[in-house]
C-alpha atoms as a PDB file:
ATOM      1  CA  MET A   1     -11.350  11.287 -17.391  1.00  0.00           C
ATOM      2  CA  ILE A   2     -11.845  10.312 -13.749  1.00  0.00           C
ATOM      3  CA  ASN A   3     -15.046   8.498 -14.762  1.00  0.00           C
ATOM      4  CA  LYS A   4     -13.094   5.895 -16.735  1.00  0.00           C
ATOM      5  CA  PHE A   5     -11.124   4.592 -13.783  1.00  0.00           C
ATOM      6  CA  LEU A   6     -13.299   4.920 -10.686  1.00  0.00           C
ATOM      7  CA  PRO A   7     -16.670   3.408  -9.818  1.00  0.00           C
ATOM      8  CA  LYS A   8     -19.616   5.804  -9.540  1.00  0.00           C
ATOM      9  CA  GLU A   9     -19.820   5.296  -5.778  1.00  0.00           C
ATOM     10  CA  VAL A  10     -16.236   6.503  -5.320  1.00  0.00           C
ATOM     11  CA  ILE A  11     -16.794   9.501  -7.592  1.00  0.00           C
ATOM     12  CA  MET A  12     -19.863  10.507  -5.589  1.00  0.00           C
ATOM     13  CA  ILE A  13     -17.880  10.321  -2.335  1.00  0.00           C
ATOM     14  CA  ILE A  14     -15.141  12.477  -3.855  1.00  0.00           C
ATOM     15  CA  TYR A  15     -17.607  15.110  -5.027  1.00  0.00           C
ATOM     16  CA  GLU A  16     -19.385  15.190  -1.657  1.00  0.00           C
ATOM     17  CA  MET A  17     -16.241  16.356   0.158  1.00  0.00           C
ATOM     18  CA  ASN A  18     -17.742  15.096   3.386  1.00  0.00           C
ATOM     19  CA  PRO A  19     -15.211  15.384   6.264  1.00  0.00           C
ATOM     20  CA  GLU A  20     -16.357  12.003   7.554  1.00  0.00           C
ATOM     21  CA  HIS A  21     -14.825  10.366   4.469  1.00  0.00           C
ATOM     22  CA  ARG A  22     -11.270  11.458   5.252  1.00  0.00           C
ATOM     23  CA  GLU A  23     -10.459   8.149   6.914  1.00  0.00           C
ATOM     24  CA  HIS A  24     -11.523   6.288   3.770  1.00  0.00           C
ATOM     25  CA  PHE A  25      -9.294   8.505   1.641  1.00  0.00           C
ATOM     26  CA  LYS A  26      -6.300   7.852   3.906  1.00  0.00           C
ATOM     27  CA  ILE A  27      -6.706   4.123   3.333  1.00  0.00           C
ATOM     28  CA  LEU A  28      -7.193   4.638  -0.402  1.00  0.00           C
ATOM     29  CA  LYS A  29      -4.130   6.885  -0.618  1.00  0.00           C
ATOM     30  CA  LYS A  30      -1.992   4.286   1.153  1.00  0.00           C
ATOM     31  CA  GLU A  31      -3.193   1.566  -1.219  1.00  0.00           C
ATOM     32  CA  LEU A  32      -2.559   3.741  -4.274  1.00  0.00           C
ATOM     33  CA  LEU A  33       0.965   4.627  -3.150  1.00  0.00           C
ATOM     34  CA  LEU A  34       1.793   0.962  -2.535  1.00  0.00           C
ATOM     35  CA  ALA A  35       0.323  -0.019  -5.908  1.00  0.00           C
ATOM     36  CA  GLY A  36       2.455   2.620  -7.641  1.00  0.00           C
ATOM     37  CA  VAL A  37       5.642   1.462  -5.930  1.00  0.00           C
ATOM     38  CA  TYR A  38       4.918  -2.195  -6.712  1.00  0.00           C
ATOM     39  CA  SER A  39       4.276  -1.233 -10.335  1.00  0.00           C
ATOM     40  CA  ARG A  40       7.755   0.296 -10.551  1.00  0.00           C
ATOM     41  CA  LEU A  41       9.302  -2.734  -8.871  1.00  0.00           C
ATOM     42  CA  ARG A  42       7.574  -5.132 -11.281  1.00  0.00           C
ATOM     43  CA  ILE A  43       9.375  -3.291 -14.088  1.00  0.00           C
ATOM     44  CA  VAL A  44      12.673  -3.917 -12.295  1.00  0.00           C
ATOM     45  CA  ASP A  45      11.814  -7.622 -12.010  1.00  0.00           C
ATOM     46  CA  HIS A  46      10.861  -7.760 -15.684  1.00  0.00           C
ATOM     47  CA  ILE A  47      14.162  -6.181 -16.757  1.00  0.00           C
ATOM     48  CA  PHE A  48      16.032  -8.529 -14.421  1.00  0.00           C
ATOM     49  CA  LYS A  49      14.413 -11.561 -16.030  1.00  0.00           C
ATOM     50  CA  MET A  50      14.958 -10.296 -19.581  1.00  0.00           C
ATOM     51  CA  GLU A  51      18.488  -8.897 -19.296  1.00  0.00           C
ATOM     52  CA  LYS A  52      19.926 -11.019 -16.477  1.00  0.00           C
ATOM     53  CA  LEU A  53      21.405  -7.929 -14.835  1.00  0.00           C
ATOM     54  CA  ASP A  54      21.925  -7.469 -11.114  1.00  0.00           C
ATOM     55  CA  HIS A  55      18.855  -6.246  -9.193  1.00  0.00           C
ATOM     56  CA  ILE A  56      20.936  -3.574  -7.450  1.00  0.00           C
ATOM     57  CA  ASP A  57      22.182  -2.146 -10.777  1.00  0.00           C
ATOM     58  CA  ILE A  58      18.670  -2.034 -12.197  1.00  0.00           C
ATOM     59  CA  LEU A  59      17.222  -0.543  -8.997  1.00  0.00           C
ATOM     60  CA  SER A  60      19.840   2.199  -8.867  1.00  0.00           C
ATOM     61  CA  THR A  61      19.079   3.073 -12.502  1.00  0.00           C
ATOM     62  CA  ILE A  62      15.281   2.980 -12.396  1.00  0.00           C
ATOM     63  CA  VAL A  63      14.500   3.995  -8.816  1.00  0.00           C
ATOM     64  CA  ASN A  64      15.872   7.504  -8.398  1.00  0.00           C
ATOM     65  CA  ASP A  65      14.162   7.963  -5.028  1.00  0.00           C
ATOM     66  CA  PRO A  66      14.938   4.831  -2.974  1.00  0.00           C
ATOM     67  CA  GLU A  67      14.199   6.583   0.339  1.00  0.00           C
ATOM     68  CA  TYR A  68      10.652   7.339  -0.810  1.00  0.00           C
ATOM     69  CA  VAL A  69      10.144   3.771  -2.060  1.00  0.00           C
ATOM     70  CA  LEU A  70      11.417   2.380   1.255  1.00  0.00           C
ATOM     71  CA  GLN A  71       9.083   4.701   3.147  1.00  0.00           C
ATOM     72  CA  ILE A  72       6.070   3.511   1.132  1.00  0.00           C
ATOM     73  CA  LEU A  73       7.062  -0.163   1.381  1.00  0.00           C
ATOM     74  CA  SER A  74       7.354   0.176   5.141  1.00  0.00           C
ATOM     75  CA  THR A  75       3.631   1.014   5.269  1.00  0.00           C
ATOM     76  CA  CYS A  76       2.717  -2.423   3.929  1.00  0.00           C
ATOM     77  CA  ASP A  77       0.513  -4.288   6.410  1.00  0.00           C
ATOM     78  CA  CYS A  78       2.067  -7.676   5.840  1.00  0.00           C
ATOM     79  CA  SER A  79       4.195  -9.354   8.451  1.00  0.00           C
ATOM     80  CA  LYS A  80       7.600 -10.989   8.118  1.00  0.00           C
ATOM     81  CA  LYS A  81       5.845 -14.303   8.630  1.00  0.00           C
ATOM     82  CA  ASN A  82       3.753 -13.743   5.485  1.00  0.00           C
ATOM     83  CA  ALA A  83       6.782 -12.522   3.548  1.00  0.00           C
ATOM     84  CA  LYS A  84       8.603 -15.753   4.333  1.00  0.00           C
ATOM     85  CA  ARG A  85       5.674 -17.620   2.859  1.00  0.00           C
ATOM     86  CA  LYS A  86       6.080 -15.473  -0.280  1.00  0.00           C
ATOM     87  CA  LYS A  87       2.690 -13.840   0.114  1.00  0.00           C
ATOM     88  CA  CYS A  88       4.252 -10.385   0.046  1.00  0.00           C
ATOM     89  CA  ASP A  89       7.389  -9.112  -1.671  1.00  0.00           C
ATOM     90  CA  CYS A  90       7.886  -5.980   0.411  1.00  0.00           C
ATOM     91  CA  TRP A  91      10.600  -7.422   2.639  1.00  0.00           C
ATOM     92  CA  ARG A  92      12.643  -8.628  -0.320  1.00  0.00           C
ATOM     93  CA  TRP A  93      12.475  -5.163  -1.884  1.00  0.00           C
ATOM     94  CA  ILE A  94      13.274  -3.443   1.409  1.00  0.00           C
ATOM     95  CA  ARG A  95      16.427  -5.563   1.723  1.00  0.00           C
ATOM     96  CA  LEU A  96      17.481  -4.808  -1.857  1.00  0.00           C
ATOM     97  CA  LEU A  97      16.736  -1.086  -1.668  1.00  0.00           C
ATOM     98  CA  SER A  98      18.613  -0.697   1.587  1.00  0.00           C
ATOM     99  CA  ARG A  99      21.757  -1.822  -0.268  1.00  0.00           C
ATOM    100  CA  ILE A 100      21.639   1.064  -2.770  1.00  0.00           C
END
């Protein structure tokens, strides 16, 4: 099953279990956690656009662990400057989640 989603090079690194690769896995883990959180938040946006409900109501229903989501969003490498240019949504979500 793992072969369907990961390139061969990544699978080989995983199977090697070389301690030198730990730094690469930390970066990968961070990226995967952020991707998972953004996936959940895209669902909230989709429901918001379809149902015209309040973001806070939808967030409090769908996101049952806002502290965890805030923690993961805070690891995003963007800056407030980029967020103002709408290159990253993390700051918008951090503001909304902090109101739950």
